[in-house]
């Protein structure tokens, strides 16, 4: 979780891993005119109080983020985000997606429904932006707020549209078969897997109004 902000344009952007976090860190760092060496890793960015509010107490956060700020919360469908995280980290390449989901019990470490974010949503007006709309919505936000800095980089897996190239059920194939190019995430799920992942991230689906069907 990263609560990035720019005082100059009075904007807050909340995002999570596999939600353009690297792209957004670079963008906010440039907007705030911060040296690259102070933000060239996720850890450094999270600890940099000139661009990130993570380390502030709640009372300090709301002193900075008053009612004049615009708050944008960038979220991603948990079905898609869990798959993206798993493939990107390549720690479970020896498993199939079905095997991974049935074994996975560490979901609490990547949920988006963090108490700090839920509290921010209660106290400040906010806009939720879904992953598939990041590019268009951020372009609109730049224009509305007269932000000159361009958003650079493309931080996500590419999707092949054709899932028919795989002879077997995709969720029964070893994850090592998928690197940069993968079929759309819906092809990795059957009803059983949908139910399991939904139950892991139920709070995210509810709190961020993410459709649970695919």
C-alpha atoms as a PDB file:
ATOM      1  CA  UNK A   1       0.000   0.000   0.000  1.00  0.00           C
ATOM      2  CA  UNK A   2       1.243   3.463  -0.916  1.00  0.00           C
ATOM      3  CA  UNK A   3      -0.476   6.748  -0.075  1.00  0.00           C
ATOM      4  CA  UNK A   4       1.283   9.142  -2.438  1.00  0.00           C
ATOM      5  CA  UNK A   5       0.567  12.854  -2.494  1.00  0.00           C
ATOM      6  CA  UNK A   6       1.494  16.143  -4.076  1.00  0.00           C
ATOM      7  CA  UNK A   7       0.984  19.349  -2.111  1.00  0.00           C
ATOM      8  CA  UNK A   8       1.383  21.479  -5.221  1.00  0.00           C
ATOM      9  CA  UNK A   9      -1.703  19.986  -6.889  1.00  0.00           C
ATOM     10  CA  UNK A  10      -3.455  18.849  -3.705  1.00  0.00           C
ATOM     11  CA  UNK A  11      -3.943  15.285  -4.858  1.00  0.00           C
ATOM     12  CA  UNK A  12      -3.607  11.964  -3.067  1.00  0.00           C
ATOM     13  CA  UNK A  13      -3.175   8.684  -4.927  1.00  0.00           C
ATOM     14  CA  UNK A  14      -3.590   5.413  -3.064  1.00  0.00           C
ATOM     15  CA  UNK A  15      -2.380   2.286  -4.813  1.00  0.00           C
ATOM     16  CA  UNK A  16      -1.242  -1.234  -4.061  1.00  0.00           C
ATOM     17  CA  UNK A  17       1.231  -3.742  -5.419  1.00  0.00           C
ATOM     18  CA  UNK A  18       0.459  -4.731  -9.026  1.00  0.00           C
ATOM     19  CA  UNK A  19      -1.563  -1.514  -9.412  1.00  0.00           C
ATOM     20  CA  UNK A  20       0.959   0.637 -11.278  1.00  0.00           C
ATOM     21  CA  UNK A  21       2.821   1.326  -8.018  1.00  0.00           C
ATOM     22  CA  UNK A  22       6.232   1.764  -9.692  1.00  0.00           C
ATOM     23  CA  UNK A  23       4.798   4.020 -12.384  1.00  0.00           C
ATOM     24  CA  UNK A  24       2.989   6.144  -9.808  1.00  0.00           C
ATOM     25  CA  UNK A  25       6.034   6.404  -7.535  1.00  0.00           C
ATOM     26  CA  UNK A  26       8.092   7.702 -10.448  1.00  0.00           C
ATOM     27  CA  UNK A  27       5.365  10.131 -11.488  1.00  0.00           C
ATOM     28  CA  UNK A  28       4.734  11.616  -8.039  1.00  0.00           C
ATOM     29  CA  UNK A  29       8.479  11.791  -7.428  1.00  0.00           C
ATOM     30  CA  UNK A  30       8.897  13.858 -10.590  1.00  0.00           C
ATOM     31  CA  UNK A  31       5.917  16.076  -9.764  1.00  0.00           C
ATOM     32  CA  UNK A  32       7.392  16.755  -6.316  1.00  0.00           C
ATOM     33  CA  UNK A  33      10.836  17.334  -7.850  1.00  0.00           C
ATOM     34  CA  UNK A  34      12.505  14.724  -5.644  1.00  0.00           C
ATOM     35  CA  UNK A  35      15.945  13.290  -6.480  1.00  0.00           C
ATOM     36  CA  UNK A  36      15.677   9.830  -8.024  1.00  0.00           C
ATOM     37  CA  UNK A  37      17.975   8.289  -5.414  1.00  0.00           C
ATOM     38  CA  UNK A  38      15.417   9.164  -2.703  1.00  0.00           C
ATOM     39  CA  UNK A  39      12.641   7.180  -4.416  1.00  0.00           C
ATOM     40  CA  UNK A  40      14.299   4.536  -6.601  1.00  0.00           C
ATOM     41  CA  UNK A  41      12.808   1.623  -4.675  1.00  0.00           C
ATOM     42  CA  UNK A  42       9.393   0.933  -3.209  1.00  0.00           C
ATOM     43  CA  UNK A  43      10.888   0.941   0.296  1.00  0.00           C
ATOM     44  CA  UNK A  44      12.563   4.330  -0.152  1.00  0.00           C
ATOM     45  CA  UNK A  45       9.421   5.814  -1.634  1.00  0.00           C
ATOM     46  CA  UNK A  46       7.251   4.513   1.213  1.00  0.00           C
ATOM     47  CA  UNK A  47       9.612   6.073   3.759  1.00  0.00           C
ATOM     48  CA  UNK A  48       9.935   9.404   1.927  1.00  0.00           C
ATOM     49  CA  UNK A  49       7.594  11.800   3.715  1.00  0.00           C
ATOM     50  CA  UNK A  50       7.822  14.316   0.890  1.00  0.00           C
ATOM     51  CA  UNK A  51       5.861  12.010  -1.391  1.00  0.00           C
ATOM     52  CA  UNK A  52       4.281   9.291   0.746  1.00  0.00           C
ATOM     53  CA  UNK A  53       1.961   9.477   3.753  1.00  0.00           C
ATOM     54  CA  UNK A  54       2.398   5.870   4.896  1.00  0.00           C
ATOM     55  CA  UNK A  55       4.565   6.712   7.902  1.00  0.00           C
ATOM     56  CA  UNK A  56       2.384   9.559   9.171  1.00  0.00           C
ATOM     57  CA  UNK A  57      -0.038   9.002  12.037  1.00  0.00           C
ATOM     58  CA  UNK A  58      -3.722   9.394  11.240  1.00  0.00           C
ATOM     59  CA  UNK A  59      -3.859  12.814  12.898  1.00  0.00           C
ATOM     60  CA  UNK A  60      -0.817  13.983  10.910  1.00  0.00           C
ATOM     61  CA  UNK A  61      -2.271  12.599   7.701  1.00  0.00           C
ATOM     62  CA  UNK A  62      -5.522  14.544   8.086  1.00  0.00           C
ATOM     63  CA  UNK A  63      -3.658  17.740   8.924  1.00  0.00           C
ATOM     64  CA  UNK A  64      -2.009  17.470   5.513  1.00  0.00           C
ATOM     65  CA  UNK A  65      -4.911  15.995   3.554  1.00  0.00           C
ATOM     66  CA  UNK A  66      -7.643  18.478   4.331  1.00  0.00           C
ATOM     67  CA  UNK A  67     -10.988  18.805   2.572  1.00  0.00           C
ATOM     68  CA  UNK A  68      -9.416  20.674  -0.343  1.00  0.00           C
ATOM     69  CA  UNK A  69      -7.493  17.586  -1.483  1.00  0.00           C
ATOM     70  CA  UNK A  70      -8.712  15.224  -4.163  1.00  0.00           C
ATOM     71  CA  UNK A  71      -8.281  11.584  -3.173  1.00  0.00           C
ATOM     72  CA  UNK A  72      -7.978   8.839  -5.802  1.00  0.00           C
ATOM     73  CA  UNK A  73      -7.906   5.165  -4.823  1.00  0.00           C
ATOM     74  CA  UNK A  74      -6.502   2.877  -7.498  1.00  0.00           C
ATOM     75  CA  UNK A  75      -7.715  -0.703  -7.165  1.00  0.00           C
ATOM     76  CA  UNK A  76      -7.622  -3.933  -9.118  1.00  0.00           C
ATOM     77  CA  UNK A  77      -9.949  -6.896  -9.258  1.00  0.00           C
ATOM     78  CA  UNK A  78      -8.524  -9.422  -6.735  1.00  0.00           C
ATOM     79  CA  UNK A  79      -8.986 -12.311  -9.198  1.00  0.00           C
ATOM     80  CA  UNK A  80      -6.665 -10.517 -11.604  1.00  0.00           C
ATOM     81  CA  UNK A  81      -4.317  -9.038  -9.008  1.00  0.00           C
ATOM     82  CA  UNK A  82      -3.565 -12.341  -7.272  1.00  0.00           C
ATOM     83  CA  UNK A  83      -2.799 -13.988 -10.601  1.00  0.00           C
ATOM     84  CA  UNK A  84      -0.575 -11.089 -11.675  1.00  0.00           C
ATOM     85  CA  UNK A  85       1.329 -11.127  -8.380  1.00  0.00           C
ATOM     86  CA  UNK A  86       1.861 -14.875  -8.517  1.00  0.00           C
ATOM     87  CA  UNK A  87       3.134 -14.932 -12.093  1.00  0.00           C
ATOM     88  CA  UNK A  88       5.325 -11.853 -11.639  1.00  0.00           C
ATOM     89  CA  UNK A  89       7.131 -13.189  -8.558  1.00  0.00           C
ATOM     90  CA  UNK A  90       7.682 -16.638 -10.115  1.00  0.00           C
ATOM     91  CA  UNK A  91       8.024 -18.359  -6.766  1.00  0.00           C
ATOM     92  CA  UNK A  92       5.354 -20.935  -7.569  1.00  0.00           C
ATOM     93  CA  UNK A  93       6.200 -21.785 -11.166  1.00  0.00           C
ATOM     94  CA  UNK A  94       6.292 -25.493 -10.304  1.00  0.00           C
ATOM     95  CA  UNK A  95       2.587 -25.398  -9.440  1.00  0.00           C
ATOM     96  CA  UNK A  96      -0.583 -25.043 -11.493  1.00  0.00           C
ATOM     97  CA  UNK A  97      -2.891 -22.124 -10.763  1.00  0.00           C
ATOM     98  CA  UNK A  98      -5.430 -24.518  -9.261  1.00  0.00           C
ATOM     99  CA  UNK A  99      -2.789 -26.022  -6.972  1.00  0.00           C
ATOM    100  CA  UNK A 100      -1.605 -22.589  -5.921  1.00  0.00           C
ATOM    101  CA  UNK A 101      -5.061 -21.249  -5.071  1.00  0.00           C
ATOM    102  CA  UNK A 102      -5.929 -24.367  -3.070  1.00  0.00           C
ATOM    103  CA  UNK A 103      -2.720 -24.052  -1.068  1.00  0.00           C
ATOM    104  CA  UNK A 104      -2.444 -20.264  -0.726  1.00  0.00           C
ATOM    105  CA  UNK A 105      -3.002 -18.935   2.796  1.00  0.00           C
ATOM    106  CA  UNK A 106      -1.042 -15.672   2.774  1.00  0.00           C
ATOM    107  CA  UNK A 107      -3.721 -13.445   1.276  1.00  0.00           C
ATOM    108  CA  UNK A 108      -3.941 -11.252   4.383  1.00  0.00           C
ATOM    109  CA  UNK A 109      -0.579  -9.712   3.437  1.00  0.00           C
ATOM    110  CA  UNK A 110      -1.872  -8.244   0.159  1.00  0.00           C
ATOM    111  CA  UNK A 111      -5.470  -7.258   0.869  1.00  0.00           C
ATOM    112  CA  UNK A 112      -6.321  -3.731  -0.210  1.00  0.00           C
ATOM    113  CA  UNK A 113      -8.753  -3.128   2.676  1.00  0.00           C
ATOM    114  CA  UNK A 114      -6.152  -1.645   4.997  1.00  0.00           C
ATOM    115  CA  UNK A 115      -7.627   0.152   8.051  1.00  0.00           C
ATOM    116  CA  UNK A 116      -5.764   3.354   7.173  1.00  0.00           C
ATOM    117  CA  UNK A 117      -7.339   3.411   3.715  1.00  0.00           C
ATOM    118  CA  UNK A 118     -10.813   2.548   4.940  1.00  0.00           C
ATOM    119  CA  UNK A 119     -10.594   5.363   7.479  1.00  0.00           C
ATOM    120  CA  UNK A 120      -9.418   7.777   4.774  1.00  0.00           C
ATOM    121  CA  UNK A 121     -12.421   6.784   2.672  1.00  0.00           C
ATOM    122  CA  UNK A 122     -14.745   7.596   5.569  1.00  0.00           C
ATOM    123  CA  UNK A 123     -13.189  10.972   6.334  1.00  0.00           C
ATOM    124  CA  UNK A 124     -12.498  12.346   2.857  1.00  0.00           C
ATOM    125  CA  UNK A 125     -14.368  12.453  -0.410  1.00  0.00           C
ATOM    126  CA  UNK A 126     -12.671  10.090  -2.824  1.00  0.00           C
ATOM    127  CA  UNK A 127     -12.816   8.531  -6.263  1.00  0.00           C
ATOM    128  CA  UNK A 128     -12.169   4.835  -6.853  1.00  0.00           C
ATOM    129  CA  UNK A 129     -10.355   4.066 -10.108  1.00  0.00           C
ATOM    130  CA  UNK A 130     -10.389   0.524 -11.471  1.00  0.00           C
ATOM    131  CA  UNK A 131      -7.298  -1.004 -13.023  1.00  0.00           C
ATOM    132  CA  UNK A 132      -8.718  -1.236 -16.535  1.00  0.00           C
ATOM    133  CA  UNK A 133      -9.365   2.527 -16.477  1.00  0.00           C
ATOM    134  CA  UNK A 134      -6.041   3.694 -15.004  1.00  0.00           C
ATOM    135  CA  UNK A 135      -4.638   5.123 -18.231  1.00  0.00           C
ATOM    136  CA  UNK A 136      -7.736   7.080 -19.257  1.00  0.00           C
ATOM    137  CA  UNK A 137      -8.580   8.300 -15.761  1.00  0.00           C
ATOM    138  CA  UNK A 138      -5.051   9.460 -14.961  1.00  0.00           C
ATOM    139  CA  UNK A 139      -4.957  11.344 -18.238  1.00  0.00           C
ATOM    140  CA  UNK A 140      -8.191  13.061 -17.241  1.00  0.00           C
ATOM    141  CA  UNK A 141      -6.832  13.839 -13.764  1.00  0.00           C
ATOM    142  CA  UNK A 142      -3.694  15.378 -15.270  1.00  0.00           C
ATOM    143  CA  UNK A 143      -5.813  17.625 -17.453  1.00  0.00           C
ATOM    144  CA  UNK A 144      -8.235  18.626 -14.685  1.00  0.00           C
ATOM    145  CA  UNK A 145      -5.411  19.550 -12.309  1.00  0.00           C
ATOM    146  CA  UNK A 146      -3.087  21.064 -14.936  1.00  0.00           C
ATOM    147  CA  UNK A 147      -0.283  18.645 -14.083  1.00  0.00           C
ATOM    148  CA  UNK A 148       2.379  18.961 -16.801  1.00  0.00           C
ATOM    149  CA  UNK A 149       4.393  15.829 -15.942  1.00  0.00           C
ATOM    150  CA  UNK A 150       3.708  12.871 -18.205  1.00  0.00           C
ATOM    151  CA  UNK A 151       3.040   9.412 -16.776  1.00  0.00           C
ATOM    152  CA  UNK A 152       5.757   7.129 -18.089  1.00  0.00           C
ATOM    153  CA  UNK A 153       6.052   3.373 -18.221  1.00  0.00           C
ATOM    154  CA  UNK A 154       3.793   0.382 -18.602  1.00  0.00           C
ATOM    155  CA  UNK A 155       3.877  -1.767 -15.508  1.00  0.00           C
ATOM    156  CA  UNK A 156       1.807  -4.795 -16.309  1.00  0.00           C
ATOM    157  CA  UNK A 157       1.623  -8.156 -17.984  1.00  0.00           C
ATOM    158  CA  UNK A 158       0.462  -8.266 -21.564  1.00  0.00           C
ATOM    159  CA  UNK A 159      -2.575 -10.370 -22.326  1.00  0.00           C
ATOM    160  CA  UNK A 160      -3.045 -12.660 -25.305  1.00  0.00           C
ATOM    161  CA  UNK A 161      -6.663 -12.595 -26.388  1.00  0.00           C
ATOM    162  CA  UNK A 162      -6.664 -16.175 -27.666  1.00  0.00           C
ATOM    163  CA  UNK A 163      -6.920 -18.754 -24.893  1.00  0.00           C
ATOM    164  CA  UNK A 164      -7.607 -21.515 -27.437  1.00  0.00           C
ATOM    165  CA  UNK A 165      -3.884 -21.905 -28.123  1.00  0.00           C
ATOM    166  CA  UNK A 166      -3.671 -23.963 -24.929  1.00  0.00           C
ATOM    167  CA  UNK A 167      -4.860 -27.538 -25.246  1.00  0.00           C
ATOM    168  CA  UNK A 168      -5.542 -28.103 -21.547  1.00  0.00           C
ATOM    169  CA  UNK A 169      -7.576 -26.171 -19.006  1.00  0.00           C
ATOM    170  CA  UNK A 170      -5.404 -23.173 -18.259  1.00  0.00           C
ATOM    171  CA  UNK A 171      -5.715 -23.513 -14.507  1.00  0.00           C
ATOM    172  CA  UNK A 172      -4.249 -27.054 -14.831  1.00  0.00           C
ATOM    173  CA  UNK A 173      -1.042 -25.872 -16.529  1.00  0.00           C
ATOM    174  CA  UNK A 174       2.160 -25.154 -14.627  1.00  0.00           C
ATOM    175  CA  UNK A 175       2.644 -21.438 -14.006  1.00  0.00           C
ATOM    176  CA  UNK A 176       6.059 -21.655 -15.633  1.00  0.00           C
ATOM    177  CA  UNK A 177       4.177 -21.639 -18.945  1.00  0.00           C
ATOM    178  CA  UNK A 178       3.174 -18.026 -18.392  1.00  0.00           C
ATOM    179  CA  UNK A 179       5.638 -15.157 -18.375  1.00  0.00           C
ATOM    180  CA  UNK A 180       4.887 -11.822 -20.019  1.00  0.00           C
ATOM    181  CA  UNK A 181       2.076 -13.081 -22.206  1.00  0.00           C
ATOM    182  CA  UNK A 182      -0.889 -14.722 -20.507  1.00  0.00           C
ATOM    183  CA  UNK A 183      -4.541 -15.186 -21.397  1.00  0.00           C
ATOM    184  CA  UNK A 184      -7.067 -12.871 -19.704  1.00  0.00           C
ATOM    185  CA  UNK A 185      -7.437 -13.772 -16.038  1.00  0.00           C
ATOM    186  CA  UNK A 186     -10.994 -15.096 -16.387  1.00  0.00           C
ATOM    187  CA  UNK A 187      -9.572 -18.120 -18.225  1.00  0.00           C
ATOM    188  CA  UNK A 188      -7.725 -19.192 -15.068  1.00  0.00           C
ATOM    189  CA  UNK A 189     -10.904 -19.694 -13.066  1.00  0.00           C
ATOM    190  CA  UNK A 190     -13.657 -22.208 -12.656  1.00  0.00           C
ATOM    191  CA  UNK A 191     -16.478 -21.832 -10.112  1.00  0.00           C
ATOM    192  CA  UNK A 192     -14.493 -23.509  -7.350  1.00  0.00           C
ATOM    193  CA  UNK A 193     -11.484 -21.215  -7.789  1.00  0.00           C
ATOM    194  CA  UNK A 194     -13.688 -18.130  -8.049  1.00  0.00           C
ATOM    195  CA  UNK A 195     -15.305 -18.964  -4.744  1.00  0.00           C
ATOM    196  CA  UNK A 196     -11.991 -19.585  -2.997  1.00  0.00           C
ATOM    197  CA  UNK A 197     -10.411 -16.324  -4.158  1.00  0.00           C
ATOM    198  CA  UNK A 198     -13.581 -14.342  -3.500  1.00  0.00           C
ATOM    199  CA  UNK A 199     -13.618 -15.564   0.095  1.00  0.00           C
ATOM    200  CA  UNK A 200      -9.964 -14.592   0.520  1.00  0.00           C
ATOM    201  CA  UNK A 201     -10.607 -11.032  -0.658  1.00  0.00           C
ATOM    202  CA  UNK A 202     -14.266 -10.575   0.196  1.00  0.00           C
ATOM    203  CA  UNK A 203     -13.612  -7.301   2.030  1.00  0.00           C
ATOM    204  CA  UNK A 204     -11.878  -5.849  -1.032  1.00  0.00           C
ATOM    205  CA  UNK A 205     -14.772  -6.743  -3.305  1.00  0.00           C
ATOM    206  CA  UNK A 206     -17.228  -5.123  -0.895  1.00  0.00           C
ATOM    207  CA  UNK A 207     -15.273  -2.047   0.249  1.00  0.00           C
ATOM    208  CA  UNK A 208     -14.187  -1.014  -3.239  1.00  0.00           C
ATOM    209  CA  UNK A 209     -17.392  -2.112  -4.986  1.00  0.00           C
ATOM    210  CA  UNK A 210     -15.590  -4.511  -7.314  1.00  0.00           C
ATOM    211  CA  UNK A 211     -17.885  -6.899  -9.235  1.00  0.00           C
ATOM    212  CA  UNK A 212     -17.441 -10.471  -8.037  1.00  0.00           C
ATOM    213  CA  UNK A 213     -18.508 -12.093 -11.284  1.00  0.00           C
ATOM    214  CA  UNK A 214     -16.335 -12.386 -14.384  1.00  0.00           C
END
